[in-house]
All heavy atoms as atom14 arrays in JSON, in Angstrom:
{
  "sequence": "IRAVGGTGWTVTVAGPVDVITDPDEAAHYRRTLVGWTHGPHDTVV",
  "atom14_mask": [
    [1, 1, 1, 1, 1, 1, 1, 1, 0, 0, 0, 0, 0, 0],
    [1, 1, 1, 1, 1, 1, 1, 1, 1, 1, 1, 0, 0, 0],
    [1, 1, 1, 1, 1, 0, 0, 0, 0, 0, 0, 0, 0, 0],
    [1, 1, 1, 1, 1, 1, 1, 0, 0, 0, 0, 0, 0, 0],
    [1, 1, 1, 1, 0, 0, 0, 0, 0, 0, 0, 0, 0, 0],
    [1, 1, 1, 1, 0, 0, 0, 0, 0, 0, 0, 0, 0, 0],
    [1, 1, 1, 1, 1, 1, 1, 0, 0, 0, 0, 0, 0, 0],
    [1, 1, 1, 1, 0, 0, 0, 0, 0, 0, 0, 0, 0, 0],
    [1, 1, 1, 1, 1, 1, 1, 1, 1, 1, 1, 1, 1, 1],
    [1, 1, 1, 1, 1, 1, 1, 0, 0, 0, 0, 0, 0, 0],
    [1, 1, 1, 1, 1, 1, 1, 0, 0, 0, 0, 0, 0, 0],
    [1, 1, 1, 1, 1, 1, 1, 0, 0, 0, 0, 0, 0, 0],
    [1, 1, 1, 1, 1, 1, 1, 0, 0, 0, 0, 0, 0, 0],
    [1, 1, 1, 1, 1, 0, 0, 0, 0, 0, 0, 0, 0, 0],
    [1, 1, 1, 1, 0, 0, 0, 0, 0, 0, 0, 0, 0, 0],
    [1, 1, 1, 1, 1, 1, 1, 0, 0, 0, 0, 0, 0, 0],
    [1, 1, 1, 1, 1, 1, 1, 0, 0, 0, 0, 0, 0, 0],
    [1, 1, 1, 1, 1, 1, 1, 1, 0, 0, 0, 0, 0, 0],
    [1, 1, 1, 1, 1, 1, 1, 0, 0, 0, 0, 0, 0, 0],
    [1, 1, 1, 1, 1, 1, 1, 1, 0, 0, 0, 0, 0, 0],
    [1, 1, 1, 1, 1, 1, 1, 0, 0, 0, 0, 0, 0, 0],
    [1, 1, 1, 1, 1, 1, 1, 1, 0, 0, 0, 0, 0, 0],
    [1, 1, 1, 1, 1, 1, 1, 0, 0, 0, 0, 0, 0, 0],
    [1, 1, 1, 1, 1, 1, 1, 1, 0, 0, 0, 0, 0, 0],
    [1, 1, 1, 1, 1, 1, 1, 1, 1, 0, 0, 0, 0, 0],
    [1, 1, 1, 1, 1, 0, 0, 0, 0, 0, 0, 0, 0, 0],
    [1, 1, 1, 1, 1, 0, 0, 0, 0, 0, 0, 0, 0, 0],
    [1, 1, 1, 1, 1, 1, 1, 1, 1, 1, 0, 0, 0, 0],
    [1, 1, 1, 1, 1, 1, 1, 1, 1, 1, 1, 1, 0, 0],
    [1, 1, 1, 1, 1, 1, 1, 1, 1, 1, 1, 0, 0, 0],
    [1, 1, 1, 1, 1, 1, 1, 1, 1, 1, 1, 0, 0, 0],
    [1, 1, 1, 1, 1, 1, 1, 0, 0, 0, 0, 0, 0, 0],
    [1, 1, 1, 1, 1, 1, 1, 1, 0, 0, 0, 0, 0, 0],
    [1, 1, 1, 1, 1, 1, 1, 0, 0, 0, 0, 0, 0, 0],
    [1, 1, 1, 1, 0, 0, 0, 0, 0, 0, 0, 0, 0, 0],
    [1, 1, 1, 1, 1, 1, 1, 1, 1, 1, 1, 1, 1, 1],
    [1, 1, 1, 1, 1, 1, 1, 0, 0, 0, 0, 0, 0, 0],
    [1, 1, 1, 1, 1, 1, 1, 1, 1, 1, 0, 0, 0, 0],
    [1, 1, 1, 1, 0, 0, 0, 0, 0, 0, 0, 0, 0, 0],
    [1, 1, 1, 1, 1, 1, 1, 0, 0, 0, 0, 0, 0, 0],
    [1, 1, 1, 1, 1, 1, 1, 1, 1, 1, 0, 0, 0, 0],
    [1, 1, 1, 1, 1, 1, 1, 1, 0, 0, 0, 0, 0, 0],
    [1, 1, 1, 1, 1, 1, 1, 0, 0, 0, 0, 0, 0, 0],
    [1, 1, 1, 1, 1, 1, 1, 0, 0, 0, 0, 0, 0, 0],
    [1, 1, 1, 1, 1, 1, 1, 0, 0, 0, 0, 0, 0, 0]
  ],
  "atom14_positions": [
    [[6.18, -14.56, -8.29], [7.1, -15.63, -8.56], [6.26, -16.87, -8.53], [5.61, -17.14, -7.5], [8.32, -15.72, -7.55], [9.01, -14.37, -7.42], [9.21, -16.85, -7.95], [9.63, -13.82, -8.62], [0.0, 0.0, 0.0], [0.0, 0.0, 0.0], [0.0, 0.0, 0.0], [0.0, 0.0, 0.0], [0.0, 0.0, 0.0], [0.0, 0.0, 0.0]],
    [[6.32, -17.66, -9.55], [5.64, -18.97, -9.59], [6.4, -20.04, -8.81], [7.55, -20.21, -9.1], [5.39, -19.4, -11.03], [4.48, -18.48, -11.74], [4.47, -18.59, -13.24], [3.84, -17.49, -13.94], [4.47, -16.37, -14.25], [5.69, -16.22, -13.94], [3.78, -15.41, -14.82], [0.0, 0.0, 0.0], [0.0, 0.0, 0.0], [0.0, 0.0, 0.0]],
    [[5.69, -20.67, -7.89], [6.36, -21.7, -7.08], [6.9, -22.83, -7.9], [8.03, -23.35, -7.72], [5.35, -22.22, -6.02], [0.0, 0.0, 0.0], [0.0, 0.0, 0.0], [0.0, 0.0, 0.0], [0.0, 0.0, 0.0], [0.0, 0.0, 0.0], [0.0, 0.0, 0.0], [0.0, 0.0, 0.0], [0.0, 0.0, 0.0], [0.0, 0.0, 0.0]],
    [[6.15, -23.32, -8.84], [6.65, -24.35, -9.72], [7.35, -23.66, -10.87], [6.82, -22.88, -11.63], [5.47, -25.2, -10.25], [6.0, -26.23, -11.25], [4.74, -25.87, -9.14], [0.0, 0.0, 0.0], [0.0, 0.0, 0.0], [0.0, 0.0, 0.0], [0.0, 0.0, 0.0], [0.0, 0.0, 0.0], [0.0, 0.0, 0.0], [0.0, 0.0, 0.0]],
    [[8.65, -23.93, -11.03], [9.42, -23.33, -12.08], [10.25, -22.15, -11.68], [11.27, -21.92, -12.34], [0.0, 0.0, 0.0], [0.0, 0.0, 0.0], [0.0, 0.0, 0.0], [0.0, 0.0, 0.0], [0.0, 0.0, 0.0], [0.0, 0.0, 0.0], [0.0, 0.0, 0.0], [0.0, 0.0, 0.0], [0.0, 0.0, 0.0], [0.0, 0.0, 0.0]],
    [[9.76, -21.42, -10.75], [10.49, -20.25, -10.29], [10.51, -19.07, -11.24], [11.28, -18.02, -11.01], [0.0, 0.0, 0.0], [0.0, 0.0, 0.0], [0.0, 0.0, 0.0], [0.0, 0.0, 0.0], [0.0, 0.0, 0.0], [0.0, 0.0, 0.0], [0.0, 0.0, 0.0], [0.0, 0.0, 0.0], [0.0, 0.0, 0.0], [0.0, 0.0, 0.0]],
    [[9.71, -19.08, -12.27], [9.65, -17.91, -13.19], [8.72, -16.84, -12.65], [7.94, -17.11, -11.71], [9.13, -18.35, -14.62], [7.85, -18.97, -14.5], [10.14, -19.33, -15.23], [0.0, 0.0, 0.0], [0.0, 0.0, 0.0], [0.0, 0.0, 0.0], [0.0, 0.0, 0.0], [0.0, 0.0, 0.0], [0.0, 0.0, 0.0], [0.0, 0.0, 0.0]],
    [[8.75, -15.61, -13.18], [7.96, -14.55, -12.78], [8.65, -13.25, -12.98], [9.32, -13.06, -13.95], [0.0, 0.0, 0.0], [0.0, 0.0, 0.0], [0.0, 0.0, 0.0], [0.0, 0.0, 0.0], [0.0, 0.0, 0.0], [0.0, 0.0, 0.0], [0.0, 0.0, 0.0], [0.0, 0.0, 0.0], [0.0, 0.0, 0.0], [0.0, 0.0, 0.0]],
    [[8.37, -12.3, -12.18], [8.94, -10.95, -12.29], [9.06, -10.21, -10.91], [8.42, -10.68, -9.94], [8.04, -10.1, -13.28], [6.66, -10.05, -12.85], [5.56, -10.86, -13.33], [6.03, -9.15, -11.98], [4.44, -10.51, -12.72], [4.65, -9.45, -11.93], [6.49, -8.08, -11.23], [3.74, -8.75, -11.08], [5.66, -7.38, -10.37], [4.26, -7.69, -10.35]],
    [[9.79, -9.19, -10.89], [10.01, -8.38, -9.71], [10.14, -6.88, -10.19], [10.74, -6.63, -11.14], [11.2, -8.89, -8.92], [11.37, -8.0, -7.85], [12.52, -8.88, -9.76], [0.0, 0.0, 0.0], [0.0, 0.0, 0.0], [0.0, 0.0, 0.0], [0.0, 0.0, 0.0], [0.0, 0.0, 0.0], [0.0, 0.0, 0.0], [0.0, 0.0, 0.0]],
    [[9.57, -5.98, -9.39], [9.62, -4.59, -9.63], [9.86, -3.84, -8.37], [9.32, -4.12, -7.33], [8.25, -4.03, -10.26], [8.23, -2.52, -10.31], [8.02, -4.64, -11.62], [0.0, 0.0, 0.0], [0.0, 0.0, 0.0], [0.0, 0.0, 0.0], [0.0, 0.0, 0.0], [0.0, 0.0, 0.0], [0.0, 0.0, 0.0], [0.0, 0.0, 0.0]],
    [[10.82, -2.84, -8.43], [11.17, -2.0, -7.25], [11.06, -0.62, -7.65], [11.58, -0.19, -8.7], [12.59, -2.33, -6.82], [12.71, -3.71, -6.55], [13.0, -1.56, -5.59], [0.0, 0.0, 0.0], [0.0, 0.0, 0.0], [0.0, 0.0, 0.0], [0.0, 0.0, 0.0], [0.0, 0.0, 0.0], [0.0, 0.0, 0.0], [0.0, 0.0, 0.0]],
    [[10.36, 0.21, -6.78], [10.2, 1.68, -7.03], [10.71, 2.34, -5.76], [10.43, 1.98, -4.66], [8.64, 2.01, -7.22], [8.45, 3.45, -7.37], [8.02, 1.18, -8.32], [0.0, 0.0, 0.0], [0.0, 0.0, 0.0], [0.0, 0.0, 0.0], [0.0, 0.0, 0.0], [0.0, 0.0, 0.0], [0.0, 0.0, 0.0], [0.0, 0.0, 0.0]],
    [[11.5, 3.38, -5.99], [12.07, 4.15, -4.8], [11.95, 5.65, -4.97], [11.99, 6.08, -6.16], [13.53, 3.71, -4.65], [0.0, 0.0, 0.0], [0.0, 0.0, 0.0], [0.0, 0.0, 0.0], [0.0, 0.0, 0.0], [0.0, 0.0, 0.0], [0.0, 0.0, 0.0], [0.0, 0.0, 0.0], [0.0, 0.0, 0.0], [0.0, 0.0, 0.0]],
    [[11.77, 6.35, -3.9], [11.74, 7.8, -3.97], [11.23, 8.42, -2.7], [10.98, 7.69, -1.66], [0.0, 0.0, 0.0], [0.0, 0.0, 0.0], [0.0, 0.0, 0.0], [0.0, 0.0, 0.0], [0.0, 0.0, 0.0], [0.0, 0.0, 0.0], [0.0, 0.0, 0.0], [0.0, 0.0, 0.0], [0.0, 0.0, 0.0], [0.0, 0.0, 0.0]],
    [[11.02, 9.69, -2.76], [10.55, 10.42, -1.53], [9.07, 9.96, -1.21], [8.31, 9.59, -2.13], [10.5, 11.89, -1.9], [11.31, 11.94, -3.19], [11.34, 10.65, -3.8], [0.0, 0.0, 0.0], [0.0, 0.0, 0.0], [0.0, 0.0, 0.0], [0.0, 0.0, 0.0], [0.0, 0.0, 0.0], [0.0, 0.0, 0.0], [0.0, 0.0, 0.0]],
    [[8.75, 10.01, 0.1], [7.43, 9.59, 0.58], [6.86, 10.7, 1.39], [7.62, 11.36, 2.16], [7.61, 8.38, 1.49], [6.31, 7.96, 2.11], [8.13, 7.13, 0.69], [0.0, 0.0, 0.0], [0.0, 0.0, 0.0], [0.0, 0.0, 0.0], [0.0, 0.0, 0.0], [0.0, 0.0, 0.0], [0.0, 0.0, 0.0], [0.0, 0.0, 0.0]],
    [[5.48, 10.91, 1.29], [4.8, 11.72, 2.24], [3.52, 11.02, 2.69], [2.99, 10.27, 1.94], [4.52, 13.08, 1.62], [3.75, 13.1, 0.32], [2.61, 12.57, 0.31], [4.24, 13.53, -0.71], [0.0, 0.0, 0.0], [0.0, 0.0, 0.0], [0.0, 0.0, 0.0], [0.0, 0.0, 0.0], [0.0, 0.0, 0.0], [0.0, 0.0, 0.0]],
    [[3.2, 11.27, 3.92], [1.96, 10.74, 4.51], [0.84, 11.56, 4.04], [0.83, 12.74, 4.0], [2.08, 10.76, 6.1], [0.78, 10.22, 6.68], [3.21, 9.85, 6.53], [0.0, 0.0, 0.0], [0.0, 0.0, 0.0], [0.0, 0.0, 0.0], [0.0, 0.0, 0.0], [0.0, 0.0, 0.0], [0.0, 0.0, 0.0], [0.0, 0.0, 0.0]],
    [[-0.26, 10.83, 3.6], [-1.53, 11.48, 3.23], [-2.28, 11.83, 4.51], [-2.75, 11.03, 5.21], [-2.33, 10.6, 2.34], [-1.54, 10.38, 1.0], [-3.68, 11.19, 2.05], [-2.18, 9.48, -0.01], [0.0, 0.0, 0.0], [0.0, 0.0, 0.0], [0.0, 0.0, 0.0], [0.0, 0.0, 0.0], [0.0, 0.0, 0.0], [0.0, 0.0, 0.0]],
    [[-2.27, 13.17, 4.82], [-2.9, 13.59, 6.07], [-4.33, 14.17, 5.89], [-5.06, 14.31, 6.88], [-2.01, 14.64, 6.71], [-1.78, 15.74, 5.79], [-0.66, 14.07, 7.11], [0.0, 0.0, 0.0], [0.0, 0.0, 0.0], [0.0, 0.0, 0.0], [0.0, 0.0, 0.0], [0.0, 0.0, 0.0], [0.0, 0.0, 0.0], [0.0, 0.0, 0.0]],
    [[-4.67, 14.53, 4.62], [-6.05, 15.03, 4.43], [-7.05, 13.9, 4.8], [-6.97, 12.78, 4.2], [-6.23, 15.44, 2.95], [-7.65, 15.87, 2.67], [-7.92, 17.02, 2.87], [-8.41, 15.0, 2.23], [0.0, 0.0, 0.0], [0.0, 0.0, 0.0], [0.0, 0.0, 0.0], [0.0, 0.0, 0.0], [0.0, 0.0, 0.0], [0.0, 0.0, 0.0]],
    [[-7.94, 14.15, 5.72], [-8.83, 13.08, 6.24], [-9.71, 12.5, 5.12], [-9.94, 11.29, 5.11], [-9.67, 13.71, 7.31], [-9.18, 15.15, 7.47], [-8.14, 15.43, 6.43], [0.0, 0.0, 0.0], [0.0, 0.0, 0.0], [0.0, 0.0, 0.0], [0.0, 0.0, 0.0], [0.0, 0.0, 0.0], [0.0, 0.0, 0.0], [0.0, 0.0, 0.0]],
    [[-10.23, 13.31, 4.19], [-11.09, 12.75, 3.07], [-10.29, 11.95, 2.12], [-10.74, 10.88, 1.73], [-11.78, 13.9, 2.34], [-12.76, 14.69, 3.21], [-13.34, 14.06, 4.2], [-12.95, 15.89, 2.98], [0.0, 0.0, 0.0], [0.0, 0.0, 0.0], [0.0, 0.0, 0.0], [0.0, 0.0, 0.0], [0.0, 0.0, 0.0], [0.0, 0.0, 0.0]],
    [[-9.1, 12.37, 1.77], [-8.26, 11.62, 0.84], [-7.82, 10.28, 1.51], [-7.81, 9.27, 0.92], [-6.97, 12.44, 0.44], [-6.21, 11.81, -0.67], [-5.0, 12.65, -1.06], [-4.63, 13.56, -0.39], [-4.39, 12.22, -2.13], [0.0, 0.0, 0.0], [0.0, 0.0, 0.0], [0.0, 0.0, 0.0], [0.0, 0.0, 0.0], [0.0, 0.0, 0.0]],
    [[-7.42, 10.35, 2.76], [-7.01, 9.14, 3.44], [-8.16, 8.17, 3.53], [-8.06, 6.97, 3.4], [-6.46, 9.5, 4.87], [0.0, 0.0, 0.0], [0.0, 0.0, 0.0], [0.0, 0.0, 0.0], [0.0, 0.0, 0.0], [0.0, 0.0, 0.0], [0.0, 0.0, 0.0], [0.0, 0.0, 0.0], [0.0, 0.0, 0.0], [0.0, 0.0, 0.0]],
    [[-9.4, 8.68, 3.89], [-10.55, 7.82, 3.94], [-10.87, 7.12, 2.64], [-11.23, 5.94, 2.5], [-11.78, 8.65, 4.45], [0.0, 0.0, 0.0], [0.0, 0.0, 0.0], [0.0, 0.0, 0.0], [0.0, 0.0, 0.0], [0.0, 0.0, 0.0], [0.0, 0.0, 0.0], [0.0, 0.0, 0.0], [0.0, 0.0, 0.0], [0.0, 0.0, 0.0]],
    [[-10.71, 7.87, 1.56], [-10.88, 7.33, 0.14], [-9.99, 6.13, -0.02], [-10.43, 5.1, -0.45], [-10.62, 8.4, -0.88], [-10.42, 7.8, -2.22], [-11.51, 7.31, -3.04], [-9.27, 7.66, -2.99], [-10.96, 6.88, -4.13], [-9.68, 7.1, -4.13], [0.0, 0.0, 0.0], [0.0, 0.0, 0.0], [0.0, 0.0, 0.0], [0.0, 0.0, 0.0]],
    [[-8.69, 6.28, 0.25], [-7.8, 5.2, 0.1], [-7.96, 4.08, 1.05], [-7.73, 2.87, 0.7], [-6.29, 5.73, 0.1], [-5.98, 6.52, -1.16], [-5.64, 7.82, -1.02], [-6.03, 5.95, -2.4], [-5.38, 8.61, -2.12], [-5.78, 6.68, -3.5], [-5.43, 8.0, -3.38], [-5.16, 8.76, -4.48], [0.0, 0.0, 0.0], [0.0, 0.0, 0.0]],
    [[-8.47, 4.36, 2.25], [-8.73, 3.24, 3.16], [-9.92, 2.42, 2.69], [-10.02, 1.22, 2.94], [-8.98, 3.79, 4.58], [-7.7, 4.22, 5.24], [-7.83, 4.52, 6.66], [-6.56, 4.79, 7.28], [-6.05, 6.05, 7.48], [-6.83, 7.12, 7.14], [-4.84, 6.26, 7.92], [0.0, 0.0, 0.0], [0.0, 0.0, 0.0], [0.0, 0.0, 0.0]],
    [[-10.89, 3.08, 1.93], [-11.98, 2.25, 1.32], [-11.5, 1.53, 0.11], [-11.97, 0.35, -0.08], [-13.09, 3.33, 0.83], [-13.97, 3.78, 2.05], [-15.14, 4.52, 1.47], [-14.82, 5.66, 0.61], [-14.49, 6.83, 0.98], [-14.51, 7.15, 2.26], [-14.27, 7.8, 0.03], [0.0, 0.0, 0.0], [0.0, 0.0, 0.0], [0.0, 0.0, 0.0]],
    [[-10.64, 2.07, -0.67], [-10.27, 1.42, -1.96], [-9.08, 0.42, -1.81], [-8.94, -0.43, -2.61], [-9.91, 2.45, -3.06], [-8.9, 3.32, -2.59], [-11.19, 3.24, -3.37], [0.0, 0.0, 0.0], [0.0, 0.0, 0.0], [0.0, 0.0, 0.0], [0.0, 0.0, 0.0], [0.0, 0.0, 0.0], [0.0, 0.0, 0.0], [0.0, 0.0, 0.0]],
    [[-8.23, 0.68, -0.82], [-7.07, -0.25, -0.55], [-7.36, -0.98, 0.73], [-6.8, -0.73, 1.8], [-5.77, 0.6, -0.48], [-5.41, 1.42, -1.67], [-4.23, 2.37, -1.36], [-5.06, 0.54, -2.86], [0.0, 0.0, 0.0], [0.0, 0.0, 0.0], [0.0, 0.0, 0.0], [0.0, 0.0, 0.0], [0.0, 0.0, 0.0], [0.0, 0.0, 0.0]],
    [[-8.22, -1.98, 0.66], [-8.66, -2.76, 1.8], [-7.66, -3.78, 2.23], [-6.73, -4.08, 1.52], [-10.01, -3.44, 1.52], [-11.09, -2.47, 1.26], [-9.86, -4.37, 0.4], [0.0, 0.0, 0.0], [0.0, 0.0, 0.0], [0.0, 0.0, 0.0], [0.0, 0.0, 0.0], [0.0, 0.0, 0.0], [0.0, 0.0, 0.0], [0.0, 0.0, 0.0]],
    [[-7.77, -4.15, 3.52], [-6.97, -5.29, 3.97], [-6.19, -5.08, 5.26], [-5.77, -6.04, 5.8], [0.0, 0.0, 0.0], [0.0, 0.0, 0.0], [0.0, 0.0, 0.0], [0.0, 0.0, 0.0], [0.0, 0.0, 0.0], [0.0, 0.0, 0.0], [0.0, 0.0, 0.0], [0.0, 0.0, 0.0], [0.0, 0.0, 0.0], [0.0, 0.0, 0.0]],
    [[-6.08, -3.88, 5.8], [-5.4, -3.72, 7.05], [-6.31, -3.2, 8.09], [-7.3, -2.6, 7.92], [-4.25, -2.64, 6.85], [-3.39, -2.99, 5.69], [-3.15, -2.15, 4.69], [-2.68, -4.26, 5.42], [-2.28, -2.79, 3.74], [-2.01, -4.0, 4.22], [-2.63, -5.41, 6.04], [-1.3, -5.11, 3.55], [-1.83, -6.42, 5.52], [-1.19, -6.24, 4.27]],
    [[-5.94, -3.58, 9.33], [-6.72, -3.19, 10.51], [-6.7, -1.73, 10.76], [-5.62, -1.08, 10.64], [-6.15, -3.9, 11.76], [-6.26, -5.3, 11.54], [-7.0, -3.59, 12.99], [0.0, 0.0, 0.0], [0.0, 0.0, 0.0], [0.0, 0.0, 0.0], [0.0, 0.0, 0.0], [0.0, 0.0, 0.0], [0.0, 0.0, 0.0], [0.0, 0.0, 0.0]],
    [[-7.87, -1.14, 10.97], [-7.84, 0.33, 11.27], [-7.23, 0.55, 12.61], [-7.33, -0.27, 13.51], [-9.24, 0.85, 11.25], [-9.9, 0.79, 9.9], [-9.56, 1.61, 8.9], [-10.79, -0.07, 9.43], [-10.26, 1.3, 7.77], [-10.98, 0.26, 8.06], [0.0, 0.0, 0.0], [0.0, 0.0, 0.0], [0.0, 0.0, 0.0], [0.0, 0.0, 0.0]],
    [[-6.56, 1.66, 12.8], [-5.93, 1.93, 14.08], [-4.69, 2.83, 13.88], [-4.47, 3.34, 12.82], [0.0, 0.0, 0.0], [0.0, 0.0, 0.0], [0.0, 0.0, 0.0], [0.0, 0.0, 0.0], [0.0, 0.0, 0.0], [0.0, 0.0, 0.0], [0.0, 0.0, 0.0], [0.0, 0.0, 0.0], [0.0, 0.0, 0.0], [0.0, 0.0, 0.0]],
    [[-3.92, 2.87, 14.91], [-2.74, 3.8, 14.93], [-1.69, 3.41, 13.85], [-0.8, 4.21, 13.52], [-2.22, 3.77, 16.33], [-2.69, 2.49, 16.9], [-4.02, 2.25, 16.17], [0.0, 0.0, 0.0], [0.0, 0.0, 0.0], [0.0, 0.0, 0.0], [0.0, 0.0, 0.0], [0.0, 0.0, 0.0], [0.0, 0.0, 0.0], [0.0, 0.0, 0.0]],
    [[-1.63, 2.12, 13.43], [-0.62, 1.71, 12.49], [-1.24, 1.46, 11.1], [-0.76, 0.68, 10.29], [-0.01, 0.45, 12.96], [0.83, 0.64, 14.23], [1.36, -0.4, 14.97], [1.11, 1.79, 14.91], [2.02, 0.18, 16.05], [1.83, 1.39, 15.97], [0.0, 0.0, 0.0], [0.0, 0.0, 0.0], [0.0, 0.0, 0.0], [0.0, 0.0, 0.0]],
    [[-2.29, 2.2, 10.82], [-2.91, 2.1, 9.48], [-2.66, 3.48, 8.81], [-3.28, 4.53, 9.0], [-4.45, 1.94, 9.65], [-5.13, 1.88, 8.33], [-4.49, 1.61, 7.3], [-6.43, 2.04, 8.3], [0.0, 0.0, 0.0], [0.0, 0.0, 0.0], [0.0, 0.0, 0.0], [0.0, 0.0, 0.0], [0.0, 0.0, 0.0], [0.0, 0.0, 0.0]],
    [[-1.6, 3.48, 7.96], [-1.09, 4.72, 7.35], [-1.12, 4.64, 5.86], [-0.91, 3.56, 5.22], [0.44, 4.87, 7.81], [0.51, 4.86, 9.21], [1.0, 6.11, 7.27], [0.0, 0.0, 0.0], [0.0, 0.0, 0.0], [0.0, 0.0, 0.0], [0.0, 0.0, 0.0], [0.0, 0.0, 0.0], [0.0, 0.0, 0.0], [0.0, 0.0, 0.0]],
    [[-1.47, 5.75, 5.24], [-1.53, 5.92, 3.76], [-0.45, 6.87, 3.38], [-0.4, 8.01, 3.88], [-2.91, 6.29, 3.24], [-2.91, 6.38, 1.79], [-3.99, 5.41, 3.77], [0.0, 0.0, 0.0], [0.0, 0.0, 0.0], [0.0, 0.0, 0.0], [0.0, 0.0, 0.0], [0.0, 0.0, 0.0], [0.0, 0.0, 0.0], [0.0, 0.0, 0.0]],
    [[0.41, 6.38, 2.51], [1.57, 7.24, 2.0], [1.52, 7.34, 0.53], [0.9, 6.56, -0.18], [2.9, 6.7, 2.51], [2.99, 6.67, 4.04], [3.24, 5.38, 1.83], [0.0, 0.0, 0.0], [0.0, 0.0, 0.0], [0.0, 0.0, 0.0], [0.0, 0.0, 0.0], [0.0, 0.0, 0.0], [0.0, 0.0, 0.0], [0.0, 0.0, 0.0]]
  ]
}
C-alpha cells in the first residue's frame, strides 16, 4: 500500500499448513529466506 495516495494491492492465501521438518530442506529455506533470528521460534512451513 502506497502511503501517499493509498493505492496498492492486497493478496490473501489460505489452506492447510505443514512444518518442514527435513533438516536439509529447512536449512535450505533458512539460507534463502533470511531475516529471522535462529532459535526455537524460527519455523519453516
